[in-house]
Amino acid sequence: MQEKSLIIWHLTDNKRGHQNQSLGLVNAIKELTPSESYLIDITDLRLIDLITKRFPAGEKLPLPDLLVGAGRKSQLGLLVAKRCFGGATVCLMKPSWPTALFDLCLIPHHDRPNHSKKIFHTIGVLNNLNPVDVTSSPMGIILIGGPSKHYNWDSGEFLTQISNIVCSNQQISWCITDSPRTPSDLTIKLKHHTQLKAFYRPFRTTEDNWLQEYLPRCREIWVSEDSVSMIYEALSTDAEVGLVSVPKRRETRVTKISEDLIASELVMSPNSANRPKKIQLNEAKRAASFLVNDWMKNHV
């Protein structure tokens, strides 16, 4: 007799980073147990929908066993969908709503989550990468973030660092890409820097899945240390990973992430010639294994 498929509602706020997190978990679950997933856009959802018990996007879908979502907006979506159609909610972040409202929260350890039966600690955020062996790959990439509440920015110093990285590794074919937070003065310099032997590809010119397909094929990946999600995505590949230094506004739990990774020799820094220890995270697979083999026995 064929096993009944697990019905997963994958809620999305259409933000690429959030969708990659939840898609990583959904795809990992599918590898472990027969499942059907339905992508549901919740960008138009409002608080009044929770009060009035209204979730029209789910009216023609099979009733969910699991409701999965990442991002602030998806938290509301999880609560509304559960109130209207049932299912167990899986929130992929430290929620701004009370944790008790969700059935399970997958929270990165750097967010210092409490110990609770409703919380599963992850090493960084989940992703949807499929690593490959890159021993002989000629490719490398530099990922640029930008100023944040934890980091300041110095475009001149940053450009000096990445120039040194490229010049000292000329056997690698380098690609540089930026993000919505990258300051315009740096993007202008990258566009017109004729001596930097690297291909500059602005994020605005890339397709939705370009980076997810490009990263796993790189032998070396450098990430500006403000970009926490990208750091953990890089560590989920087979590449050697390095961090480009960015001025800190102050010492915080977020700035401590890069300090701990460098101290553990899991990443390189521009000031060190040491090669990092090779690890390959697969937190989506680890979280999915916990969900399917342990947690769902008592909750789904």
C-alpha atoms as a PDB file:
ATOM      1  CA  MET A   1       0.000   0.000   0.000  1.00  0.00           C
ATOM      2  CA  GLN A   2       1.385   3.380  -1.048  1.00  0.00           C
ATOM      3  CA  GLU A   3       2.369   5.698   1.789  1.00  0.00           C
ATOM      4  CA  LYS A   4       0.208   8.811   2.095  1.00  0.00           C
ATOM      5  CA  SER A   5       1.984  11.945   0.888  1.00  0.00           C
ATOM      6  CA  LEU A   6       2.815  14.630   3.393  1.00  0.00           C
ATOM      7  CA  ILE A   7       1.081  17.871   2.388  1.00  0.00           C
ATOM      8  CA  ILE A   8       3.324  20.924   2.831  1.00  0.00           C
ATOM      9  CA  TRP A   9       2.200  24.507   2.401  1.00  0.00           C
ATOM     10  CA  HIS A  10       5.293  26.570   1.638  1.00  0.00           C
ATOM     11  CA  LEU A  11       4.468  30.198   2.475  1.00  0.00           C
ATOM     12  CA  THR A  12       6.531  32.882   0.738  1.00  0.00           C
ATOM     13  CA  ASP A  13       6.943  36.648   1.088  1.00  0.00           C
ATOM     14  CA  ASN A  14       8.726  36.594  -2.309  1.00  0.00           C
ATOM     15  CA  LYS A  15      12.047  37.626  -0.772  1.00  0.00           C
ATOM     16  CA  ARG A  16      14.740  35.504  -2.393  1.00  0.00           C
ATOM     17  CA  GLY A  17      16.699  34.806   0.791  1.00  0.00           C
ATOM     18  CA  HIS A  18      13.651  33.758   2.796  1.00  0.00           C
ATOM     19  CA  GLN A  19      12.352  31.571  -0.007  1.00  0.00           C
ATOM     20  CA  ASN A  20      15.692  29.776  -0.341  1.00  0.00           C
ATOM     21  CA  GLN A  21      15.656  28.983   3.385  1.00  0.00           C
ATOM     22  CA  SER A  22      12.213  27.416   3.386  1.00  0.00           C
ATOM     23  CA  LEU A  23      12.720  25.756   0.001  1.00  0.00           C
ATOM     24  CA  GLY A  24      15.862  24.101   1.367  1.00  0.00           C
ATOM     25  CA  LEU A  25      13.830  22.526   4.162  1.00  0.00           C
ATOM     26  CA  VAL A  26      10.925  21.538   1.902  1.00  0.00           C
ATOM     27  CA  ASN A  27      13.212  19.853  -0.626  1.00  0.00           C
ATOM     28  CA  ALA A  28      15.129  18.055   2.129  1.00  0.00           C
ATOM     29  CA  ILE A  29      11.845  16.726   3.558  1.00  0.00           C
ATOM     30  CA  LYS A  30      10.868  15.456   0.100  1.00  0.00           C
ATOM     31  CA  GLU A  31      14.069  13.415  -0.026  1.00  0.00           C
ATOM     32  CA  LEU A  32      13.069  11.636   3.188  1.00  0.00           C
ATOM     33  CA  THR A  33       9.355  10.996   2.796  1.00  0.00           C
ATOM     34  CA  PRO A  34       6.691  11.183   0.032  1.00  0.00           C
ATOM     35  CA  SER A  35       5.528  14.808  -0.001  1.00  0.00           C
ATOM     36  CA  GLU A  36       3.582  17.341  -2.009  1.00  0.00           C
ATOM     37  CA  SER A  37       4.353  21.036  -1.586  1.00  0.00           C
ATOM     38  CA  TYR A  38       2.321  24.080  -2.546  1.00  0.00           C
ATOM     39  CA  LEU A  39       3.911  27.536  -2.831  1.00  0.00           C
ATOM     40  CA  ILE A  40       1.604  30.208  -1.410  1.00  0.00           C
ATOM     41  CA  ASP A  41       2.186  33.961  -1.755  1.00  0.00           C
ATOM     42  CA  ILE A  42       1.285  35.704   1.525  1.00  0.00           C
ATOM     43  CA  THR A  43       2.537  39.220   0.716  1.00  0.00           C
ATOM     44  CA  ASP A  44      -0.992  40.688   0.764  1.00  0.00           C
ATOM     45  CA  LEU A  45      -1.937  39.120   4.106  1.00  0.00           C
ATOM     46  CA  ARG A  46      -3.027  41.471   6.910  1.00  0.00           C
ATOM     47  CA  LEU A  47      -3.526  41.162  10.668  1.00  0.00           C
ATOM     48  CA  ILE A  48      -7.286  41.481  10.140  1.00  0.00           C
ATOM     49  CA  ASP A  49      -7.148  38.146   8.269  1.00  0.00           C
ATOM     50  CA  LEU A  50      -6.047  36.430  11.475  1.00  0.00           C
ATOM     51  CA  ILE A  51      -8.919  38.025  13.394  1.00  0.00           C
ATOM     52  CA  THR A  52     -11.564  37.286  10.739  1.00  0.00           C
ATOM     53  CA  LYS A  53     -10.155  33.808   9.994  1.00  0.00           C
ATOM     54  CA  ARG A  54      -9.578  34.476   6.298  1.00  0.00           C
ATOM     55  CA  PHE A  55      -6.990  32.719   4.088  1.00  0.00           C
ATOM     56  CA  PRO A  56      -8.443  32.451   0.551  1.00  0.00           C
ATOM     57  CA  ALA A  57      -5.155  31.218  -0.978  1.00  0.00           C
ATOM     58  CA  GLY A  58      -5.672  27.852   0.696  1.00  0.00           C
ATOM     59  CA  GLU A  59      -9.309  27.247  -0.168  1.00  0.00           C
ATOM     60  CA  LYS A  60      -8.700  24.974  -3.179  1.00  0.00           C
ATOM     61  CA  LEU A  61      -5.656  23.150  -1.828  1.00  0.00           C
ATOM     62  CA  PRO A  62      -5.377  19.845   0.065  1.00  0.00           C
ATOM     63  CA  LEU A  63      -5.391  20.391   3.814  1.00  0.00           C
ATOM     64  CA  PRO A  64      -1.842  20.870   5.096  1.00  0.00           C
ATOM     65  CA  ASP A  65       0.138  18.626   7.391  1.00  0.00           C
ATOM     66  CA  LEU A  66       3.000  21.131   7.601  1.00  0.00           C
ATOM     67  CA  LEU A  67       3.058  24.903   7.187  1.00  0.00           C
ATOM     68  CA  VAL A  68       6.560  26.211   6.483  1.00  0.00           C
ATOM     69  CA  GLY A  69       7.763  29.804   6.206  1.00  0.00           C
ATOM     70  CA  ALA A  70      10.691  32.167   6.757  1.00  0.00           C
ATOM     71  CA  GLY A  71      10.622  35.933   7.296  1.00  0.00           C
ATOM     72  CA  ARG A  72       8.547  38.299   9.403  1.00  0.00           C
ATOM     73  CA  LYS A  73       5.596  38.362   7.014  1.00  0.00           C
ATOM     74  CA  SER A  74       5.481  34.576   6.880  1.00  0.00           C
ATOM     75  CA  GLN A  75       4.999  34.412  10.648  1.00  0.00           C
ATOM     76  CA  LEU A  76       1.579  35.991  10.240  1.00  0.00           C
ATOM     77  CA  GLY A  77       0.899  33.684   7.310  1.00  0.00           C
ATOM     78  CA  LEU A  78       1.677  30.607   9.388  1.00  0.00           C
ATOM     79  CA  LEU A  79      -0.711  31.700  12.133  1.00  0.00           C
ATOM     80  CA  VAL A  80      -3.553  32.604   9.760  1.00  0.00           C
ATOM     81  CA  ALA A  81      -3.196  29.419   7.686  1.00  0.00           C
ATOM     82  CA  LYS A  82      -3.215  27.228  10.813  1.00  0.00           C
ATOM     83  CA  ARG A  83      -6.245  29.036  12.238  1.00  0.00           C
ATOM     84  CA  CYS A  84      -8.145  28.506   8.977  1.00  0.00           C
ATOM     85  CA  PHE A  85      -7.010  25.058   7.821  1.00  0.00           C
ATOM     86  CA  GLY A  86      -4.989  23.381  10.572  1.00  0.00           C
ATOM     87  CA  GLY A  87      -1.546  21.856  10.138  1.00  0.00           C
ATOM     88  CA  ALA A  88       1.654  22.154  12.172  1.00  0.00           C
ATOM     89  CA  THR A  89       3.535  25.440  11.853  1.00  0.00           C
ATOM     90  CA  VAL A  90       7.316  25.450  11.271  1.00  0.00           C
ATOM     91  CA  CYS A  91       8.858  28.914  11.555  1.00  0.00           C
ATOM     92  CA  LEU A  92      12.385  29.259  10.149  1.00  0.00           C
ATOM     93  CA  MET A  93      13.633  32.081  12.370  1.00  0.00           C
ATOM     94  CA  LYS A  94      13.459  33.503  15.861  1.00  0.00           C
ATOM     95  CA  PRO A  95       9.906  34.833  15.744  1.00  0.00           C
ATOM     96  CA  SER A  96       8.815  38.313  16.733  1.00  0.00           C
ATOM     97  CA  TRP A  97       5.528  36.719  17.851  1.00  0.00           C
ATOM     98  CA  PRO A  98       5.623  34.547  21.008  1.00  0.00           C
ATOM     99  CA  THR A  99       7.340  31.234  20.286  1.00  0.00           C
ATOM    100  CA  ALA A 100       4.469  29.404  22.008  1.00  0.00           C
ATOM    101  CA  LEU A 101       2.181  30.325  19.093  1.00  0.00           C
ATOM    102  CA  PHE A 102       4.165  28.105  16.704  1.00  0.00           C
ATOM    103  CA  ASP A 103       4.546  24.342  16.746  1.00  0.00           C
ATOM    104  CA  LEU A 104       8.261  24.435  15.944  1.00  0.00           C
ATOM    105  CA  CYS A 105      10.855  27.154  15.352  1.00  0.00           C
ATOM    106  CA  LEU A 106      14.168  26.457  13.594  1.00  0.00           C
ATOM    107  CA  ILE A 107      16.416  29.161  15.041  1.00  0.00           C
ATOM    108  CA  PRO A 108      20.104  29.861  14.252  1.00  0.00           C
ATOM    109  CA  HIS A 109      22.351  29.432  17.285  1.00  0.00           C
ATOM    110  CA  HIS A 110      23.731  32.981  16.858  1.00  0.00           C
ATOM    111  CA  ASP A 111      20.245  34.298  17.713  1.00  0.00           C
ATOM    112  CA  ARG A 112      20.731  32.731  21.146  1.00  0.00           C
ATOM    113  CA  PRO A 113      17.447  30.799  21.246  1.00  0.00           C
ATOM    114  CA  ASN A 114      16.130  29.336  24.473  1.00  0.00           C
ATOM    115  CA  HIS A 115      16.137  25.601  25.060  1.00  0.00           C
ATOM    116  CA  SER A 116      12.618  24.364  24.462  1.00  0.00           C
ATOM    117  CA  LYS A 117      10.782  21.430  22.898  1.00  0.00           C
ATOM    118  CA  LYS A 118       9.454  23.965  20.384  1.00  0.00           C
ATOM    119  CA  ILE A 119      12.907  25.108  19.272  1.00  0.00           C
ATOM    120  CA  PHE A 120      15.470  23.353  17.084  1.00  0.00           C
ATOM    121  CA  HIS A 121      18.902  25.003  17.026  1.00  0.00           C
ATOM    122  CA  THR A 122      20.563  25.370  13.614  1.00  0.00           C
ATOM    123  CA  ILE A 123      24.071  26.413  12.617  1.00  0.00           C
ATOM    124  CA  GLY A 124      23.211  29.524  10.640  1.00  0.00           C
ATOM    125  CA  VAL A 125      20.157  29.766   8.407  1.00  0.00           C
ATOM    126  CA  LEU A 126      19.031  26.978   6.089  1.00  0.00           C
ATOM    127  CA  ASN A 127      19.591  27.087   2.338  1.00  0.00           C
ATOM    128  CA  ASN A 128      18.766  25.228  -0.849  1.00  0.00           C
ATOM    129  CA  LEU A 129      22.276  24.501  -2.126  1.00  0.00           C
ATOM    130  CA  ASN A 130      23.338  21.205  -3.711  1.00  0.00           C
ATOM    131  CA  PRO A 131      27.128  20.901  -3.158  1.00  0.00           C
ATOM    132  CA  VAL A 132      29.428  19.253  -5.708  1.00  0.00           C
ATOM    133  CA  ASP A 133      33.124  18.296  -5.646  1.00  0.00           C
ATOM    134  CA  VAL A 134      35.077  21.424  -6.684  1.00  0.00           C
ATOM    135  CA  THR A 135      38.649  20.122  -6.267  1.00  0.00           C
ATOM    136  CA  SER A 136      39.553  20.953  -9.864  1.00  0.00           C
ATOM    137  CA  SER A 137      37.204  23.924 -10.339  1.00  0.00           C
ATOM    138  CA  PRO A 138      38.815  27.126 -11.699  1.00  0.00           C
ATOM    139  CA  MET A 139      35.992  29.299 -10.337  1.00  0.00           C
ATOM    140  CA  GLY A 140      35.879  31.691  -7.411  1.00  0.00           C
ATOM    141  CA  ILE A 141      33.433  34.340  -6.254  1.00  0.00           C
ATOM    142  CA  ILE A 142      33.400  37.385  -3.971  1.00  0.00           C
ATOM    143  CA  LEU A 143      30.033  38.244  -2.392  1.00  0.00           C
ATOM    144  CA  ILE A 144      29.509  41.837  -1.267  1.00  0.00           C
ATOM    145  CA  GLY A 145      26.938  42.976   1.281  1.00  0.00           C
ATOM    146  CA  GLY A 146      26.813  46.501   2.682  1.00  0.00           C
ATOM    147  CA  PRO A 147      26.258  48.663   5.756  1.00  0.00           C
ATOM    148  CA  SER A 148      23.883  47.333   8.409  1.00  0.00           C
ATOM    149  CA  LYS A 149      22.927  48.038  12.007  1.00  0.00           C
ATOM    150  CA  HIS A 150      25.927  45.938  13.027  1.00  0.00           C
ATOM    151  CA  TYR A 151      28.501  47.151  10.463  1.00  0.00           C
ATOM    152  CA  ASN A 152      29.759  50.404   8.969  1.00  0.00           C
ATOM    153  CA  TRP A 153      31.447  50.516   5.563  1.00  0.00           C
ATOM    154  CA  ASP A 154      34.641  51.746   3.905  1.00  0.00           C
ATOM    155  CA  SER A 155      34.458  51.206   0.137  1.00  0.00           C
ATOM    156  CA  GLY A 156      38.089  52.166  -0.466  1.00  0.00           C
ATOM    157  CA  GLU A 157      39.442  49.705   2.097  1.00  0.00           C
ATOM    158  CA  PHE A 158      37.042  47.030   0.903  1.00  0.00           C
ATOM    159  CA  LEU A 159      38.189  47.430  -2.699  1.00  0.00           C
ATOM    160  CA  THR A 160      41.817  47.146  -1.575  1.00  0.00           C
ATOM    161  CA  GLN A 161      41.068  43.854   0.185  1.00  0.00           C
ATOM    162  CA  ILE A 162      39.286  42.229  -2.737  1.00  0.00           C
ATOM    163  CA  SER A 163      41.968  43.472  -5.152  1.00  0.00           C
ATOM    164  CA  ASN A 164      44.567  41.697  -3.010  1.00  0.00           C
ATOM    165  CA  ILE A 165      42.473  38.521  -2.934  1.00  0.00           C
ATOM    166  CA  VAL A 166      42.133  38.475  -6.719  1.00  0.00           C
ATOM    167  CA  CYS A 167      45.806  39.346  -7.359  1.00  0.00           C
ATOM    168  CA  SER A 168      47.098  36.660  -5.013  1.00  0.00           C
ATOM    169  CA  ASN A 169      44.901  33.951  -6.584  1.00  0.00           C
ATOM    170  CA  GLN A 170      45.257  34.560 -10.322  1.00  0.00           C
ATOM    171  CA  GLN A 171      44.843  30.870 -11.128  1.00  0.00           C
ATOM    172  CA  ILE A 172      41.179  31.336 -10.216  1.00  0.00           C
ATOM    173  CA  SER A 173      38.615  32.842 -12.570  1.00  0.00           C
ATOM    174  CA  TRP A 174      36.957  35.395 -10.283  1.00  0.00           C
ATOM    175  CA  CYS A 175      33.413  36.705 -10.297  1.00  0.00           C
ATOM    176  CA  ILE A 176      32.294  39.564  -8.052  1.00  0.00           C
ATOM    177  CA  THR A 177      28.668  40.222  -7.236  1.00  0.00           C
ATOM    178  CA  ASP A 178      26.944  42.713  -4.952  1.00  0.00           C
ATOM    179  CA  SER A 179      23.609  43.041  -3.137  1.00  0.00           C
ATOM    180  CA  PRO A 180      20.860  45.614  -2.545  1.00  0.00           C
ATOM    181  CA  ARG A 181      22.824  46.923   0.479  1.00  0.00           C
ATOM    182  CA  THR A 182      26.053  47.586  -1.443  1.00  0.00           C
ATOM    183  CA  PRO A 183      26.900  51.336  -1.492  1.00  0.00           C
ATOM    184  CA  SER A 184      26.692  52.971  -4.912  1.00  0.00           C
ATOM    185  CA  ASP A 185      30.225  54.393  -4.689  1.00  0.00           C
ATOM    186  CA  LEU A 186      31.608  50.852  -4.534  1.00  0.00           C
ATOM    187  CA  THR A 187      29.480  49.572  -7.414  1.00  0.00           C
ATOM    188  CA  ILE A 188      30.682  52.489  -9.554  1.00  0.00           C
ATOM    189  CA  LYS A 189      34.321  51.707  -8.689  1.00  0.00           C
ATOM    190  CA  LEU A 190      33.814  48.025  -9.498  1.00  0.00           C
ATOM    191  CA  LYS A 191      32.226  48.859 -12.825  1.00  0.00           C
ATOM    192  CA  HIS A 192      35.121  51.066 -13.914  1.00  0.00           C
ATOM    193  CA  HIS A 193      38.064  49.308 -12.245  1.00  0.00           C
ATOM    194  CA  THR A 194      40.039  48.215 -15.328  1.00  0.00           C
ATOM    195  CA  GLN A 195      42.943  46.669 -13.388  1.00  0.00           C
ATOM    196  CA  LEU A 196      40.821  44.321 -11.268  1.00  0.00           C
ATOM    197  CA  LYS A 197      41.055  40.992 -13.065  1.00  0.00           C
ATOM    198  CA  ALA A 198      37.594  39.775 -12.185  1.00  0.00           C
ATOM    199  CA  PHE A 199      34.184  39.729 -13.832  1.00  0.00           C
ATOM    200  CA  TYR A 200      31.771  42.060 -12.024  1.00  0.00           C
ATOM    201  CA  ARG A 201      28.163  40.924 -12.182  1.00  0.00           C
ATOM    202  CA  PRO A 202      25.694  43.235 -10.365  1.00  0.00           C
ATOM    203  CA  PHE A 203      22.902  41.355  -8.592  1.00  0.00           C
ATOM    204  CA  ARG A 204      20.337  43.290 -10.651  1.00  0.00           C
ATOM    205  CA  THR A 205      21.553  41.536 -13.802  1.00  0.00           C
ATOM    206  CA  THR A 206      21.241  38.003 -12.402  1.00  0.00           C
ATOM    207  CA  GLU A 207      18.406  35.507 -12.669  1.00  0.00           C
ATOM    208  CA  ASP A 208      16.602  34.349  -9.528  1.00  0.00           C
ATOM    209  CA  ASN A 209      18.516  31.075  -9.159  1.00  0.00           C
ATOM    210  CA  TRP A 210      21.858  32.183 -10.582  1.00  0.00           C
ATOM    211  CA  LEU A 211      23.735  32.393  -7.290  1.00  0.00           C
ATOM    212  CA  GLN A 212      22.262  29.133  -5.982  1.00  0.00           C
ATOM    213  CA  GLU A 213      23.630  27.374  -9.067  1.00  0.00           C
ATOM    214  CA  TYR A 214      26.966  29.257  -9.205  1.00  0.00           C
ATOM    215  CA  LEU A 215      28.079  28.989  -5.575  1.00  0.00           C
ATOM    216  CA  PRO A 216      28.352  25.170  -5.366  1.00  0.00           C
ATOM    217  CA  ARG A 217      30.676  25.178  -8.400  1.00  0.00           C
ATOM    218  CA  CYS A 218      33.252  27.520  -6.839  1.00  0.00           C
ATOM    219  CA  ARG A 219      36.567  26.380  -5.380  1.00  0.00           C
ATOM    220  CA  GLU A 220      36.965  29.529  -3.310  1.00  0.00           C
ATOM    221  CA  ILE A 221      34.306  31.878  -1.899  1.00  0.00           C
ATOM    222  CA  TRP A 222      34.903  35.201  -0.122  1.00  0.00           C
ATOM    223  CA  VAL A 223      32.035  36.946   1.675  1.00  0.00           C
ATOM    224  CA  SER A 224      31.907  40.372   3.306  1.00  0.00           C
ATOM    225  CA  GLU A 225      31.553  39.574   7.004  1.00  0.00           C
ATOM    226  CA  ASP A 226      28.300  41.540   7.370  1.00  0.00           C
ATOM    227  CA  SER A 227      26.490  38.992   5.152  1.00  0.00           C
ATOM    228  CA  VAL A 228      25.672  36.299   7.711  1.00  0.00           C
ATOM    229  CA  SER A 229      23.285  34.285   5.535  1.00  0.00           C
ATOM    230  CA  MET A 230      25.783  34.194   2.680  1.00  0.00           C
ATOM    231  CA  ILE A 231      28.579  33.100   5.023  1.00  0.00           C
ATOM    232  CA  TYR A 232      26.606  30.011   6.018  1.00  0.00           C
ATOM    233  CA  GLU A 233      25.572  29.334   2.425  1.00  0.00           C
ATOM    234  CA  ALA A 234      29.257  29.399   1.480  1.00  0.00           C
ATOM    235  CA  LEU A 235      30.041  26.987   4.327  1.00  0.00           C
ATOM    236  CA  SER A 236      27.418  24.627   2.908  1.00  0.00           C
ATOM    237  CA  THR A 237      29.466  24.156  -0.271  1.00  0.00           C
ATOM    238  CA  ASP A 238      32.716  22.272  -0.904  1.00  0.00           C
ATOM    239  CA  ALA A 239      34.645  25.555  -1.321  1.00  0.00           C
ATOM    240  CA  GLU A 240      37.274  27.138   0.896  1.00  0.00           C
ATOM    241  CA  VAL A 241      35.614  30.164   2.473  1.00  0.00           C
ATOM    242  CA  GLY A 242      37.102  33.533   3.398  1.00  0.00           C
ATOM    243  CA  LEU A 243      35.711  36.662   5.046  1.00  0.00           C
ATOM    244  CA  VAL A 244      36.384  40.199   3.806  1.00  0.00           C
ATOM    245  CA  SER A 245      36.731  42.553   6.793  1.00  0.00           C
ATOM    246  CA  VAL A 246      34.134  45.280   7.381  1.00  0.00           C
ATOM    247  CA  PRO A 247      34.261  47.971  10.126  1.00  0.00           C
ATOM    248  CA  LYS A 248      32.041  47.110  13.093  1.00  0.00           C
ATOM    249  CA  ARG A 249      29.662  49.644  14.627  1.00  0.00           C
ATOM    250  CA  ARG A 250      29.981  47.837  17.950  1.00  0.00           C
ATOM    251  CA  GLU A 251      30.481  44.349  19.317  1.00  0.00           C
ATOM    252  CA  THR A 252      27.261  42.342  18.956  1.00  0.00           C
ATOM    253  CA  ARG A 253      26.178  38.715  18.712  1.00  0.00           C
ATOM    254  CA  VAL A 254      26.236  39.145  14.909  1.00  0.00           C
ATOM    255  CA  THR A 255      29.771  40.547  14.722  1.00  0.00           C
ATOM    256  CA  LYS A 256      30.916  37.711  16.987  1.00  0.00           C
ATOM    257  CA  ILE A 257      29.950  35.182  14.294  1.00  0.00           C
ATOM    258  CA  SER A 258      32.863  36.117  12.035  1.00  0.00           C
ATOM    259  CA  GLU A 259      35.255  36.332  15.006  1.00  0.00           C
ATOM    260  CA  ASP A 260      34.329  32.808  16.123  1.00  0.00           C
ATOM    261  CA  LEU A 261      34.607  31.366  12.607  1.00  0.00           C
ATOM    262  CA  ILE A 262      38.068  32.893  12.111  1.00  0.00           C
ATOM    263  CA  ALA A 263      39.230  31.742  15.561  1.00  0.00           C
ATOM    264  CA  SER A 264      37.984  28.216  14.781  1.00  0.00           C
ATOM    265  CA  GLU A 265      39.938  28.309  11.493  1.00  0.00           C
ATOM    266  CA  LEU A 266      36.788  27.459   9.540  1.00  0.00           C
ATOM    267  CA  VAL A 267      37.249  30.510   7.308  1.00  0.00           C
ATOM    268  CA  MET A 268      40.147  32.537   5.936  1.00  0.00           C
ATOM    269  CA  SER A 269      40.762  36.231   6.520  1.00  0.00           C
ATOM    270  CA  PRO A 270      42.604  38.624   4.176  1.00  0.00           C
ATOM    271  CA  ASN A 271      45.358  38.977   6.790  1.00  0.00           C
ATOM    272  CA  SER A 272      46.079  35.266   7.093  1.00  0.00           C
ATOM    273  CA  ALA A 273      47.799  32.871   4.701  1.00  0.00           C
ATOM    274  CA  ASN A 274      46.358  29.818   6.502  1.00  0.00           C
ATOM    275  CA  ARG A 275      43.922  27.635   4.604  1.00  0.00           C
ATOM    276  CA  PRO A 276      40.667  26.879   6.433  1.00  0.00           C
ATOM    277  CA  LYS A 277      39.540  23.538   7.785  1.00  0.00           C
ATOM    278  CA  LYS A 278      37.158  21.891   5.347  1.00  0.00           C
ATOM    279  CA  ILE A 279      33.585  21.518   6.573  1.00  0.00           C
ATOM    280  CA  GLN A 280      30.352  21.211   4.667  1.00  0.00           C
ATOM    281  CA  LEU A 281      27.203  22.191   6.487  1.00  0.00           C
ATOM    282  CA  ASN A 282      23.863  20.728   5.457  1.00  0.00           C
ATOM    283  CA  GLU A 283      21.479  22.188   8.007  1.00  0.00           C
ATOM    284  CA  ALA A 284      18.425  21.748   5.807  1.00  0.00           C
ATOM    285  CA  LYS A 285      19.055  17.994   5.686  1.00  0.00           C
ATOM    286  CA  ARG A 286      19.754  17.836   9.447  1.00  0.00           C
ATOM    287  CA  ALA A 287      16.586  19.793  10.287  1.00  0.00           C
ATOM    288  CA  ALA A 288      14.489  17.717   7.878  1.00  0.00           C
ATOM    289  CA  SER A 289      15.799  14.497   9.417  1.00  0.00           C
ATOM    290  CA  PHE A 290      14.778  15.718  12.870  1.00  0.00           C
ATOM    291  CA  LEU A 291      11.334  16.739  11.600  1.00  0.00           C
ATOM    292  CA  VAL A 292      10.559  13.526   9.745  1.00  0.00           C
ATOM    293  CA  ASN A 293      12.209  10.963  12.011  1.00  0.00           C
ATOM    294  CA  ASP A 294      11.480  12.454  15.438  1.00  0.00           C
ATOM    295  CA  TRP A 295       9.288  15.524  15.739  1.00  0.00           C
ATOM    296  CA  MET A 296       6.441  14.620  13.338  1.00  0.00           C
ATOM    297  CA  LYS A 297       5.708  11.373  15.169  1.00  0.00           C
ATOM    298  CA  ASN A 298       4.138  13.427  17.939  1.00  0.00           C
ATOM    299  CA  HIS A 299       2.887  16.467  16.014  1.00  0.00           C
ATOM    300  CA  VAL A 300       1.582  15.422  12.574  1.00  0.00           C
END
